[in-house]
PDB file of N, CA and C in Angstrom:
ATOM      1  N   MET A   1    -118.490 -67.935 -83.667  1.00  0.00           N
ATOM      2  CA  MET A   1    -117.415 -67.604 -82.196  1.00  0.00           C
ATOM      3  C   MET A   1    -118.295 -68.648 -81.377  1.00  0.00           C
ATOM      4  N   ASP A   2    -119.538 -68.367 -81.101  1.00  0.00           N
ATOM      5  CA  ASP A   2    -120.098 -69.070 -80.447  1.00  0.00           C
ATOM      6  C   ASP A   2    -120.269 -70.438 -80.001  1.00  0.00           C
ATOM      7  N   GLU A   3    -120.126 -71.296 -81.163  1.00  0.00           N
ATOM      8  CA  GLU A   3    -119.734 -72.615 -81.239  1.00  0.00           C
ATOM      9  C   GLU A   3    -118.571 -73.030 -80.268  1.00  0.00           C
ATOM     10  N   TYR A   4    -117.720 -72.433 -80.095  1.00  0.00           N
ATOM     11  CA  TYR A   4    -116.460 -72.744 -79.005  1.00  0.00           C
ATOM     12  C   TYR A   4    -116.649 -72.587 -77.602  1.00  0.00           C
ATOM     13  N   LEU A   5    -118.033 -71.687 -76.918  1.00  0.00           N
ATOM     14  CA  LEU A   5    -117.931 -71.389 -75.998  1.00  0.00           C
ATOM     15  C   LEU A   5    -118.583 -72.524 -75.047  1.00  0.00           C
ATOM     16  N   ILE A   6    -118.353 -72.557 -73.761  1.00  0.00           N
ATOM     17  CA  ILE A   6    -118.769 -74.054 -73.203  1.00  0.00           C
ATOM     18  C   ILE A   6    -119.817 -73.229 -72.325  1.00  0.00           C
ATOM     19  N   ASP A   7    -120.792 -74.348 -72.120  1.00  0.00           N
ATOM     20  CA  ASP A   7    -121.752 -73.862 -71.576  1.00  0.00           C
ATOM     21  C   ASP A   7    -121.954 -74.514 -69.896  1.00  0.00           C
ATOM     22  N   LEU A   8    -121.493 -73.861 -69.262  1.00  0.00           N
ATOM     23  CA  LEU A   8    -121.210 -74.327 -68.018  1.00  0.00           C
ATOM     24  C   LEU A   8    -122.466 -75.104 -66.950  1.00  0.00           C
ATOM     25  N   LYS A   9    -123.473 -74.591 -67.578  1.00  0.00           N
ATOM     26  CA  LYS A   9    -125.166 -75.389 -67.130  1.00  0.00           C
ATOM     27  C   LYS A   9    -124.879 -76.957 -67.909  1.00  0.00           C
ATOM     28  N   LYS A  10    -124.734 -76.880 -69.303  1.00  0.00           N
ATOM     29  CA  LYS A  10    -124.589 -77.958 -69.888  1.00  0.00           C
ATOM     30  C   LYS A  10    -123.457 -78.783 -69.127  1.00  0.00           C
ATOM     31  N   LEU A  11    -122.453 -78.583 -69.363  1.00  0.00           N
ATOM     32  CA  LEU A  11    -121.149 -79.570 -68.422  1.00  0.00           C
ATOM     33  C   LEU A  11    -121.681 -80.111 -67.235  1.00  0.00           C
ATOM     34  N   GLY A  12    -122.204 -79.199 -66.165  1.00  0.00           N
ATOM     35  CA  GLY A  12    -122.504 -79.442 -65.242  1.00  0.00           C
ATOM     36  C   GLY A  12    -123.522 -80.373 -65.183  1.00  0.00           C
ATOM     37  N   ASN A  13    -124.236 -80.358 -65.850  1.00  0.00           N
ATOM     38  CA  ASN A  13    -125.368 -81.410 -66.137  1.00  0.00           C
ATOM     39  C   ASN A  13    -124.853 -82.765 -66.645  1.00  0.00           C
ATOM     40  N   ARG A  14    -124.051 -82.895 -67.579  1.00  0.00           N
ATOM     41  CA  ARG A  14    -123.497 -83.706 -68.070  1.00  0.00           C
ATOM     42  C   ARG A  14    -122.843 -84.483 -66.892  1.00  0.00           C
ATOM     43  N   ILE A  15    -121.832 -83.960 -66.008  1.00  0.00           N
ATOM     44  CA  ILE A  15    -121.303 -84.565 -65.175  1.00  0.00           C
ATOM     45  C   ILE A  15    -122.369 -84.789 -63.875  1.00  0.00           C
ATOM     46  N   LYS A  16    -123.548 -84.166 -63.899  1.00  0.00           N
ATOM     47  CA  LYS A  16    -124.148 -85.161 -62.922  1.00  0.00           C
ATOM     48  C   LYS A  16    -124.989 -86.254 -63.408  1.00  0.00           C
ATOM     49  N   GLU A  17    -125.344 -86.092 -64.649  1.00  0.00           N
ATOM     50  CA  GLU A  17    -126.168 -87.257 -65.281  1.00  0.00           C
ATOM     51  C   GLU A  17    -124.990 -88.363 -65.242  1.00  0.00           C
ATOM     52  N   LEU A  18    -123.541 -88.118 -65.357  1.00  0.00           N
ATOM     53  CA  LEU A  18    -122.822 -89.373 -65.343  1.00  0.00           C
ATOM     54  C   LEU A  18    -122.396 -90.067 -63.839  1.00  0.00           C
ATOM     55  N   ARG A  19    -122.441 -88.827 -62.741  1.00  0.00           N
ATOM     56  CA  ARG A  19    -122.220 -89.303 -61.815  1.00  0.00           C
ATOM     57  C   ARG A  19    -123.417 -89.956 -61.135  1.00  0.00           C
ATOM     58  N   ALA A  20    -124.510 -89.837 -61.423  1.00  0.00           N
ATOM     59  CA  ALA A  20    -125.953 -90.471 -60.700  1.00  0.00           C
ATOM     60  C   ALA A  20    -126.071 -91.747 -61.727  1.00  0.00           C
ATOM     61  N   SER A  21    -125.460 -92.008 -63.033  1.00  0.00           N
ATOM     62  CA  SER A  21    -125.590 -93.254 -63.655  1.00  0.00           C
ATOM     63  C   SER A  21    -125.046 -94.271 -62.535  1.00  0.00           C
ATOM     64  N   LEU A  22    -123.877 -93.788 -62.081  1.00  0.00           N
ATOM     65  CA  LEU A  22    -123.160 -95.064 -61.441  1.00  0.00           C
ATOM     66  C   LEU A  22    -123.367 -94.995 -59.787  1.00  0.00           C
ATOM     67  N   ASN A  23    -124.611 -94.107 -59.552  1.00  0.00           N
ATOM     68  CA  ASN A  23    -125.262 -94.210 -58.375  1.00  0.00           C
ATOM     69  C   ASN A  23    -124.128 -93.703 -57.398  1.00  0.00           C
ATOM     70  N   TYR A  24    -123.319 -92.707 -57.587  1.00  0.00           N
ATOM     71  CA  TYR A  24    -122.607 -92.035 -56.661  1.00  0.00           C
ATOM     72  C   TYR A  24    -123.205 -90.860 -55.895  1.00  0.00           C
ATOM     73  N   THR A  25    -123.082 -90.259 -54.661  1.00  0.00           N
ATOM     74  CA  THR A  25    -123.408 -89.324 -54.238  1.00  0.00           C
ATOM     75  C   THR A  25    -122.509 -88.291 -54.578  1.00  0.00           C
ATOM     76  N   GLN A  26    -122.547 -86.579 -54.126  1.00  0.00           N
ATOM     77  CA  GLN A  26    -121.853 -85.745 -54.391  1.00  0.00           C
ATOM     78  C   GLN A  26    -120.698 -86.508 -53.461  1.00  0.00           C
ATOM     79  N   GLU A  27    -121.112 -86.595 -52.411  1.00  0.00           N
ATOM     80  CA  GLU A  27    -119.733 -86.729 -51.218  1.00  0.00           C
ATOM     81  C   GLU A  27    -118.841 -88.185 -51.939  1.00  0.00           C
ATOM     82  N   GLN A  28    -119.657 -89.062 -52.662  1.00  0.00           N
ATOM     83  CA  GLN A  28    -118.362 -89.970 -52.847  1.00  0.00           C
ATOM     84  C   GLN A  28    -117.358 -89.678 -53.929  1.00  0.00           C
ATOM     85  N   PHE A  29    -118.381 -88.689 -54.925  1.00  0.00           N
ATOM     86  CA  PHE A  29    -117.579 -88.870 -56.148  1.00  0.00           C
ATOM     87  C   PHE A  29    -116.418 -87.353 -56.065  1.00  0.00           C
ATOM     88  N   SER A  30    -116.987 -86.882 -55.477  1.00  0.00           N
ATOM     89  CA  SER A  30    -116.037 -85.645 -55.026  1.00  0.00           C
ATOM     90  C   SER A  30    -114.893 -86.231 -54.143  1.00  0.00           C
ATOM     91  N   SER A  31    -115.071 -87.115 -53.531  1.00  0.00           N
ATOM     92  CA  SER A  31    -113.825 -87.468 -52.395  1.00  0.00           C
ATOM     93  C   SER A  31    -113.160 -88.109 -53.895  1.00  0.00           C
ATOM     94  N   GLN A  32    -113.624 -89.057 -54.597  1.00  0.00           N
ATOM     95  CA  GLN A  32    -112.980 -89.745 -55.505  1.00  0.00           C
ATOM     96  C   GLN A  32    -111.859 -89.108 -56.422  1.00  0.00           C
ATOM     97  N   ILE A  33    -112.366 -87.846 -56.630  1.00  0.00           N
ATOM     98  CA  ILE A  33    -111.617 -86.652 -57.584  1.00  0.00           C
ATOM     99  C   ILE A  33    -110.860 -85.804 -56.791  1.00  0.00           C
ATOM    100  N   TYR A  34    -110.870 -85.827 -55.550  1.00  0.00           N
ATOM    101  CA  TYR A  34    -109.937 -85.145 -54.487  1.00  0.00           C
ATOM    102  C   TYR A  34    -110.363 -83.888 -54.787  1.00  0.00           C
ATOM    103  N   ILE A  35    -111.526 -83.337 -54.690  1.00  0.00           N
ATOM    104  CA  ILE A  35    -112.227 -82.109 -54.378  1.00  0.00           C
ATOM    105  C   ILE A  35    -113.306 -81.915 -53.341  1.00  0.00           C
ATOM    106  N   SER A  36    -113.497 -80.838 -53.108  1.00  0.00           N
ATOM    107  CA  SER A  36    -114.777 -80.637 -52.084  1.00  0.00           C
ATOM    108  C   SER A  36    -115.584 -80.622 -52.455  1.00  0.00           C
ATOM    109  N   THR A  37    -117.088 -81.255 -51.922  1.00  0.00           N
ATOM    110  CA  THR A  37    -118.348 -81.511 -52.143  1.00  0.00           C
ATOM    111  C   THR A  37    -119.007 -80.388 -52.707  1.00  0.00           C
ATOM    112  N   SER A  38    -118.971 -79.435 -51.917  1.00  0.00           N
ATOM    113  CA  SER A  38    -119.246 -77.997 -52.096  1.00  0.00           C
ATOM    114  C   SER A  38    -118.991 -77.564 -53.806  1.00  0.00           C
ATOM    115  N   TYR A  39    -117.274 -77.676 -53.976  1.00  0.00           N
ATOM    116  CA  TYR A  39    -117.052 -77.382 -55.504  1.00  0.00           C
ATOM    117  C   TYR A  39    -117.736 -78.138 -56.449  1.00  0.00           C
ATOM    118  N   LEU A  40    -117.820 -79.133 -56.260  1.00  0.00           N
ATOM    119  CA  LEU A  40    -118.685 -80.214 -57.060  1.00  0.00           C
ATOM    120  C   LEU A  40    -120.105 -79.819 -57.323  1.00  0.00           C
ATOM    121  N   ALA A  41    -120.588 -79.464 -56.543  1.00  0.00           N
ATOM    122  CA  ALA A  41    -122.233 -78.883 -56.399  1.00  0.00           C
ATOM    123  C   ALA A  41    -122.280 -77.684 -57.506  1.00  0.00           C
ATOM    124  N   LEU A  42    -120.979 -76.839 -57.052  1.00  0.00           N
ATOM    125  CA  LEU A  42    -121.290 -75.554 -57.846  1.00  0.00           C
ATOM    126  C   LEU A  42    -120.899 -75.426 -59.597  1.00  0.00           C
ATOM    127  N   ILE A  43    -120.246 -77.018 -59.721  1.00  0.00           N
ATOM    128  CA  ILE A  43    -119.873 -77.210 -60.890  1.00  0.00           C
ATOM    129  C   ILE A  43    -120.801 -77.907 -61.510  1.00  0.00           C
ATOM    130  N   GLU A  44    -121.764 -78.830 -60.924  1.00  0.00           N
ATOM    131  CA  GLU A  44    -122.608 -79.302 -61.569  1.00  0.00           C
ATOM    132  C   GLU A  44    -123.757 -78.734 -61.620  1.00  0.00           C
ATOM    133  N   THR A  45    -123.880 -77.368 -60.813  1.00  0.00           N
ATOM    134  CA  THR A  45    -125.273 -76.405 -60.996  1.00  0.00           C
ATOM    135  C   THR A  45    -124.726 -75.214 -62.306  1.00  0.00           C
ATOM    136  N   GLY A  46    -123.351 -75.300 -62.558  1.00  0.00           N
ATOM    137  CA  GLY A  46    -122.864 -74.190 -63.655  1.00  0.00           C
ATOM    138  C   GLY A  46    -122.498 -72.893 -63.087  1.00  0.00           C
ATOM    139  N   LYS A  47    -122.393 -73.086 -61.736  1.00  0.00           N
ATOM    140  CA  LYS A  47    -121.806 -71.827 -61.103  1.00  0.00           C
ATOM    141  C   LYS A  47    -120.379 -71.954 -61.173  1.00  0.00           C
ATOM    142  N   ARG A  48    -119.669 -72.439 -61.338  1.00  0.00           N
ATOM    143  CA  ARG A  48    -118.269 -72.482 -61.466  1.00  0.00           C
ATOM    144  C   ARG A  48    -117.864 -73.478 -62.456  1.00  0.00           C
ATOM    145  N   THR A  49    -116.780 -73.207 -63.269  1.00  0.00           N
ATOM    146  CA  THR A  49    -115.867 -74.018 -63.917  1.00  0.00           C
ATOM    147  C   THR A  49    -115.040 -75.089 -63.514  1.00  0.00           C
ATOM    148  N   ALA A  50    -114.919 -75.795 -63.787  1.00  0.00           N
ATOM    149  CA  ALA A  50    -113.661 -76.865 -63.484  1.00  0.00           C
ATOM    150  C   ALA A  50    -112.316 -76.912 -64.093  1.00  0.00           C
ATOM    151  N   SER A  51    -111.655 -76.530 -63.324  1.00  0.00           N
ATOM    152  CA  SER A  51    -110.099 -76.551 -63.653  1.00  0.00           C
ATOM    153  C   SER A  51    -109.683 -77.719 -64.860  1.00  0.00           C
ATOM    154  N   ILE A  52    -108.480 -77.442 -65.454  1.00  0.00           N
ATOM    155  CA  ILE A  52    -108.565 -78.761 -66.708  1.00  0.00           C
ATOM    156  C   ILE A  52    -107.818 -79.917 -65.554  1.00  0.00           C
ATOM    157  N   ASP A  53    -107.532 -80.037 -64.512  1.00  0.00           N
ATOM    158  CA  ASP A  53    -107.142 -80.749 -63.727  1.00  0.00           C
ATOM    159  C   ASP A  53    -108.203 -81.948 -63.337  1.00  0.00           C
ATOM    160  N   VAL A  54    -109.302 -81.098 -63.017  1.00  0.00           N
ATOM    161  CA  VAL A  54    -110.495 -81.744 -62.544  1.00  0.00           C
ATOM    162  C   VAL A  54    -111.335 -82.226 -63.323  1.00  0.00           C
ATOM    163  N   LEU A  55    -111.699 -81.688 -64.554  1.00  0.00           N
ATOM    164  CA  LEU A  55    -111.949 -82.148 -65.667  1.00  0.00           C
ATOM    165  C   LEU A  55    -111.271 -83.325 -66.303  1.00  0.00           C
ATOM    166  N   ALA A  56    -109.982 -83.816 -65.933  1.00  0.00           N
ATOM    167  CA  ALA A  56    -109.012 -84.541 -66.564  1.00  0.00           C
ATOM    168  C   ALA A  56    -109.251 -85.874 -65.497  1.00  0.00           C
ATOM    169  N   GLN A  57    -109.665 -85.408 -64.084  1.00  0.00           N
ATOM    170  CA  GLN A  57    -109.904 -86.511 -63.219  1.00  0.00           C
ATOM    171  C   GLN A  57    -111.134 -87.169 -63.514  1.00  0.00           C
ATOM    172  N   ILE A  58    -112.536 -86.100 -63.984  1.00  0.00           N
ATOM    173  CA  ILE A  58    -114.018 -86.385 -64.478  1.00  0.00           C
ATOM    174  C   ILE A  58    -113.538 -87.193 -65.354  1.00  0.00           C
ATOM    175  N   SER A  59    -112.975 -87.204 -66.381  1.00  0.00           N
ATOM    176  CA  SER A  59    -113.029 -87.779 -67.692  1.00  0.00           C
ATOM    177  C   SER A  59    -112.340 -89.102 -67.292  1.00  0.00           C
ATOM    178  N   ASN A  60    -111.217 -89.094 -66.982  1.00  0.00           N
ATOM    179  CA  ASN A  60    -110.869 -90.524 -66.475  1.00  0.00           C
ATOM    180  C   ASN A  60    -111.710 -91.432 -65.436  1.00  0.00           C
ATOM    181  N   ALA A  61    -112.431 -90.704 -64.845  1.00  0.00           N
ATOM    182  CA  ALA A  61    -113.249 -91.357 -63.491  1.00  0.00           C
ATOM    183  C   ALA A  61    -114.484 -92.360 -64.406  1.00  0.00           C
ATOM    184  N   PHE A  62    -114.752 -91.266 -65.119  1.00  0.00           N
ATOM    185  CA  PHE A  62    -116.100 -91.885 -66.254  1.00  0.00           C
ATOM    186  C   PHE A  62    -115.910 -92.377 -67.722  1.00  0.00           C
ATOM    187  N   HIS A  63    -114.541 -92.448 -67.955  1.00  0.00           N
ATOM    188  CA  HIS A  63    -113.766 -92.997 -69.225  1.00  0.00           C
ATOM    189  C   HIS A  63    -114.505 -92.366 -70.329  1.00  0.00           C
ATOM    190  N   VAL A  64    -114.562 -90.940 -70.388  1.00  0.00           N
ATOM    191  CA  VAL A  64    -115.084 -89.998 -71.567  1.00  0.00           C
ATOM    192  C   VAL A  64    -114.354 -89.328 -71.821  1.00  0.00           C
ATOM    193  N   SER A  65    -114.469 -88.630 -73.438  1.00  0.00           N
ATOM    194  CA  SER A  65    -113.508 -87.593 -73.620  1.00  0.00           C
ATOM    195  C   SER A  65    -113.816 -86.497 -72.705  1.00  0.00           C
ATOM    196  N   ILE A  66    -112.666 -85.207 -72.888  1.00  0.00           N
ATOM    197  CA  ILE A  66    -112.984 -84.065 -72.139  1.00  0.00           C
ATOM    198  C   ILE A  66    -113.838 -83.242 -73.432  1.00  0.00           C
ATOM    199  N   ASP A  67    -113.407 -83.585 -74.511  1.00  0.00           N
ATOM    200  CA  ASP A  67    -114.595 -83.270 -75.514  1.00  0.00           C
ATOM    201  C   ASP A  67    -116.112 -83.296 -74.936  1.00  0.00           C
ATOM    202  N   TYR A  68    -116.216 -84.371 -74.488  1.00  0.00           N
ATOM    203  CA  TYR A  68    -117.647 -84.823 -74.109  1.00  0.00           C
ATOM    204  C   TYR A  68    -118.271 -83.835 -73.149  1.00  0.00           C
ATOM    205  N   LEU A  69    -117.267 -83.729 -71.950  1.00  0.00           N
ATOM    206  CA  LEU A  69    -117.617 -83.023 -70.607  1.00  0.00           C
ATOM    207  C   LEU A  69    -118.030 -81.440 -71.321  1.00  0.00           C
ATOM    208  N   LEU A  70    -117.096 -81.314 -71.829  1.00  0.00           N
ATOM    209  CA  LEU A  70    -117.015 -79.556 -72.311  1.00  0.00           C
ATOM    210  C   LEU A  70    -118.219 -79.632 -73.288  1.00  0.00           C
ATOM    211  N   PHE A  71    -118.368 -80.110 -74.420  1.00  0.00           N
ATOM    212  CA  PHE A  71    -119.457 -80.000 -75.672  1.00  0.00           C
ATOM    213  C   PHE A  71    -120.593 -80.853 -75.724  1.00  0.00           C
ATOM    214  N   GLY A  72    -120.233 -81.844 -74.955  1.00  0.00           N
ATOM    215  CA  GLY A  72    -121.175 -83.066 -75.408  1.00  0.00           C
ATOM    216  C   GLY A  72    -121.259 -83.939 -76.478  1.00  0.00           C
ATOM    217  N   GLU A  73    -120.100 -83.877 -77.059  1.00  0.00           N
ATOM    218  CA  GLU A  73    -119.737 -84.564 -78.229  1.00  0.00           C
ATOM    219  C   GLU A  73    -118.888 -85.864 -78.043  1.00  0.00           C
ATOM    220  N   GLU A  74    -119.832 -87.156 -78.718  1.00  0.00           N
ATOM    221  CA  GLU A  74    -119.506 -88.495 -78.291  1.00  0.00           C
ATOM    222  C   GLU A  74    -118.208 -88.707 -78.899  1.00  0.00           C
ATOM    223  N   GLU A  75    -117.386 -89.221 -78.595  1.00  0.00           N
ATOM    224  CA  GLU A  75    -116.371 -89.722 -79.104  1.00  0.00           C
ATOM    225  C   GLU A  75    -116.549 -91.538 -79.911  1.00  0.00           C
ATOM    226  N   PRO A  76    -116.317 -91.781 -80.614  1.00  0.00           N
ATOM    227  CA  PRO A  76    -116.485 -93.074 -81.346  1.00  0.00           C
ATOM    228  C   PRO A  76    -116.477 -94.243 -80.383  1.00  0.00           C
ATOM    229  N   LEU A  77    -117.296 -95.258 -80.454  1.00  0.00           N
ATOM    230  CA  LEU A  77    -117.091 -96.276 -79.514  1.00  0.00           C
ATOM    231  C   LEU A  77    -115.404 -97.148 -79.378  1.00  0.00           C
ATOM    232  N   GLN A  78    -115.175 -97.164 -80.506  1.00  0.00           N
ATOM    233  CA  GLN A  78    -113.886 -97.490 -80.619  1.00  0.00           C
ATOM    234  C   GLN A  78    -112.345 -96.728 -79.936  1.00  0.00           C
ATOM    235  N   SER A  79    -112.910 -95.283 -79.703  1.00  0.00           N
ATOM    236  CA  SER A  79    -111.796 -94.471 -79.026  1.00  0.00           C
ATOM    237  C   SER A  79    -111.877 -94.903 -77.452  1.00  0.00           C
ATOM    238  N   GLN A  80    -113.538 -94.913 -77.308  1.00  0.00           N
ATOM    239  CA  GLN A  80    -113.778 -95.335 -75.969  1.00  0.00           C
ATOM    240  C   GLN A  80    -113.488 -96.541 -75.101  1.00  0.00           C
ATOM    241  N   ASN A  81    -113.304 -97.654 -76.234  1.00  0.00           N
ATOM    242  CA  ASN A  81    -113.068 -98.944 -75.899  1.00  0.00           C
ATOM    243  C   ASN A  81    -111.468 -99.200 -75.467  1.00  0.00           C
ATOM    244  N   GLN A  82    -110.981 -98.266 -76.609  1.00  0.00           N
ATOM    245  CA  GLN A  82    -109.206 -98.265 -76.876  1.00  0.00           C
ATOM    246  C   GLN A  82    -108.964 -97.543 -75.102  1.00  0.00           C
ATOM    247  N   ARG A  83    -109.380 -96.748 -74.496  1.00  0.00           N
ATOM    248  CA  ARG A  83    -109.009 -95.754 -73.741  1.00  0.00           C
ATOM    249  C   ARG A  83    -109.210 -96.615 -72.449  1.00  0.00           C
ATOM    250  N   LEU A  84    -110.405 -97.274 -72.388  1.00  0.00           N
ATOM    251  CA  LEU A  84    -110.793 -97.960 -71.529  1.00  0.00           C
ATOM    252  C   LEU A  84    -109.821 -99.019 -71.034  1.00  0.00           C
ATOM    253  N   PHE A  85    -109.550 -99.914 -72.010  1.00  0.00           N
ATOM    254  CA  PHE A  85    -108.712-101.609 -72.267  1.00  0.00           C
ATOM    255  C   PHE A  85    -106.906-100.726 -72.041  1.00  0.00           C
ATOM    256  N   GLN A  86    -106.659 -99.093 -72.515  1.00  0.00           N
ATOM    257  CA  GLN A  86    -105.503 -98.967 -71.530  1.00  0.00           C
ATOM    258  C   GLN A  86    -105.443 -98.587 -70.447  1.00  0.00           C
ATOM    259  N   SER A  87    -106.530 -98.260 -69.635  1.00  0.00           N
ATOM    260  CA  SER A  87    -106.879 -97.675 -68.479  1.00  0.00           C
ATOM    261  C   SER A  87    -106.804 -99.133 -67.638  1.00  0.00           C
ATOM    262  N   LEU A  88    -107.433-100.134 -67.931  1.00  0.00           N
ATOM    263  CA  LEU A  88    -107.027-101.398 -67.327  1.00  0.00           C
ATOM    264  C   LEU A  88    -106.230-102.113 -67.273  1.00  0.00           C
ATOM    265  N   CYS A  89    -105.032-101.953 -68.412  1.00  0.00           N
ATOM    266  CA  CYS A  89    -103.734-102.624 -69.020  1.00  0.00           C
ATOM    267  C   CYS A  89    -102.634-101.731 -67.925  1.00  0.00           C
ATOM    268  N   SER A  90    -102.869-100.574 -67.736  1.00  0.00           N
ATOM    269  CA  SER A  90    -101.963 -99.891 -66.918  1.00  0.00           C
ATOM    270  C   SER A  90    -102.457-100.453 -64.890  1.00  0.00           C
ATOM    271  N   GLN A  91    -103.315-100.531 -64.871  1.00  0.00           N
ATOM    272  CA  GLN A  91    -103.696-101.265 -63.370  1.00  0.00           C
ATOM    273  C   GLN A  91    -102.974-102.623 -63.284  1.00  0.00           C
ATOM    274  N   TYR A  92    -102.739-103.473 -64.256  1.00  0.00           N
ATOM    275  CA  TYR A  92    -102.262-105.042 -64.045  1.00  0.00           C
ATOM    276  C   TYR A  92    -101.444-105.256 -64.432  1.00  0.00           C
ATOM    277  N   PRO A  93    -100.427-106.264 -64.123  1.00  0.00           N
ATOM    278  CA  PRO A  93     -99.353-106.738 -64.466  1.00  0.00           C
ATOM    279  C   PRO A  93     -99.679-107.737 -65.949  1.00  0.00           C
ATOM    280  N   LYS A  94     -98.751-107.457 -66.761  1.00  0.00           N
ATOM    281  CA  LYS A  94     -98.624-107.903 -68.151  1.00  0.00           C
ATOM    282  C   LYS A  94     -99.239-109.924 -67.841  1.00  0.00           C
ATOM    283  N   GLU A  95     -99.145-110.354 -66.927  1.00  0.00           N
ATOM    284  CA  GLU A  95     -99.382-111.848 -66.920  1.00  0.00           C
ATOM    285  C   GLU A  95    -100.838-111.569 -66.628  1.00  0.00           C
ATOM    286  N   LYS A  96    -101.404-111.244 -65.832  1.00  0.00           N
ATOM    287  CA  LYS A  96    -102.841-111.122 -65.371  1.00  0.00           C
ATOM    288  C   LYS A  96    -103.878-110.837 -66.915  1.00  0.00           C
ATOM    289  N   ILE A  97    -103.178-109.437 -67.242  1.00  0.00           N
ATOM    290  CA  ILE A  97    -103.940-109.189 -68.820  1.00  0.00           C
ATOM    291  C   ILE A  97    -103.872-110.307 -69.731  1.00  0.00           C
ATOM    292  N   SER A  98    -102.630-110.924 -70.159  1.00  0.00           N
ATOM    293  CA  SER A  98    -102.674-112.298 -70.747  1.00  0.00           C
ATOM    294  C   SER A  98    -103.683-113.118 -70.469  1.00  0.00           C
ATOM    295  N   ASP A  99    -103.582-113.392 -69.412  1.00  0.00           N
ATOM    296  CA  ASP A  99    -104.666-114.520 -69.086  1.00  0.00           C
ATOM    297  C   ASP A  99    -106.003-114.091 -69.058  1.00  0.00           C
ATOM    298  N   ALA A 100    -106.343-113.000 -68.906  1.00  0.00           N
ATOM    299  CA  ALA A 100    -107.631-112.072 -69.479  1.00  0.00           C
ATOM    300  C   ALA A 100    -107.797-112.332 -70.737  1.00  0.00           C
ATOM    301  N   LEU A 101    -107.264-111.846 -71.674  1.00  0.00           N
ATOM    302  CA  LEU A 101    -107.294-111.983 -72.950  1.00  0.00           C
ATOM    303  C   LEU A 101    -107.457-113.375 -73.470  1.00  0.00           C
ATOM    304  N   SER A 102    -106.602-114.227 -73.186  1.00  0.00           N
ATOM    305  CA  SER A 102    -106.661-115.829 -73.310  1.00  0.00           C
ATOM    306  C   SER A 102    -108.303-116.189 -73.106  1.00  0.00           C
ATOM    307  N   LEU A 103    -108.903-115.478 -71.804  1.00  0.00           N
ATOM    308  CA  LEU A 103    -110.163-116.120 -71.113  1.00  0.00           C
ATOM    309  C   LEU A 103    -111.056-115.562 -72.091  1.00  0.00           C
ATOM    310  N   ALA A 104    -111.110-114.048 -72.496  1.00  0.00           N
ATOM    311  CA  ALA A 104    -112.060-113.541 -73.415  1.00  0.00           C
ATOM    312  C   ALA A 104    -112.237-114.094 -75.072  1.00  0.00           C
ATOM    313  N   GLU A 105    -110.718-114.356 -75.601  1.00  0.00           N
ATOM    314  CA  GLU A 105    -110.689-114.996 -76.418  1.00  0.00           C
ATOM    315  C   GLU A 105    -111.484-116.563 -76.665  1.00  0.00           C
ATOM    316  N   PHE A 106    -111.395-117.052 -75.620  1.00  0.00           N
ATOM    317  CA  PHE A 106    -112.123-118.568 -75.415  1.00  0.00           C
ATOM    318  C   PHE A 106    -113.395-118.243 -75.513  1.00  0.00           C
ATOM    319  N   TYR A 107    -113.940-117.498 -74.983  1.00  0.00           N
ATOM    320  CA  TYR A 107    -115.364-116.734 -74.384  1.00  0.00           C
ATOM    321  C   TYR A 107    -115.800-116.935 -75.942  1.00  0.00           C
ATOM    322  N   LEU A 108    -115.127-115.674 -76.422  1.00  0.00           N
ATOM    323  CA  LEU A 108    -115.851-115.309 -77.657  1.00  0.00           C
ATOM    324  C   LEU A 108    -116.089-116.043 -78.725  1.00  0.00           C
ATOM    325  N   LYS A 109    -114.963-117.244 -78.601  1.00  0.00           N
ATOM    326  CA  LYS A 109    -115.222-118.472 -79.805  1.00  0.00           C
ATOM    327  C   LYS A 109    -115.972-119.339 -79.368  1.00  0.00           C
ATOM    328  N   ASN A 110    -116.498-119.407 -78.094  1.00  0.00           N
ATOM    329  CA  ASN A 110    -117.572-120.574 -77.872  1.00  0.00           C
ATOM    330  C   ASN A 110    -118.846-119.519 -77.834  1.00  0.00           C
ATOM    331  N   LEU A 111    -119.111-118.361 -77.926  1.00  0.00           N
ATOM    332  CA  LEU A 111    -120.220-118.044 -77.467  1.00  0.00           C
ATOM    333  C   LEU A 111    -121.460-118.192 -78.571  1.00  0.00           C
ATOM    334  N   SER A 112    -121.146-118.397 -79.920  1.00  0.00           N
ATOM    335  CA  SER A 112    -122.146-119.165 -80.853  1.00  0.00           C
ATOM    336  C   SER A 112    -122.646-120.496 -80.974  1.00  0.00           C
TER     337      SER A 112
END
């Protein structure tokens, strides 16, 4: 049963490492996910657990799975890319997506 326990310190370290990899301060990142800086600091030090809503916001902000945040398990690159693509597609109109895909196809064909 121990394999299902969440290590809050490891969870906090993963969040801190992800935040640092993007050069965000605690203030910047906590503002982005709508929590207080002190709450983020407590999560990062393993002194508090994040709510499911906060985990979802962190997962979305860093394009990682909640499984990765909780357990450190990497998801396959294909799944990461698919989620990132879906996230980008939800932000732009279909015409812009079509133009971007055409440009990417042209670039990839002429890469070699």
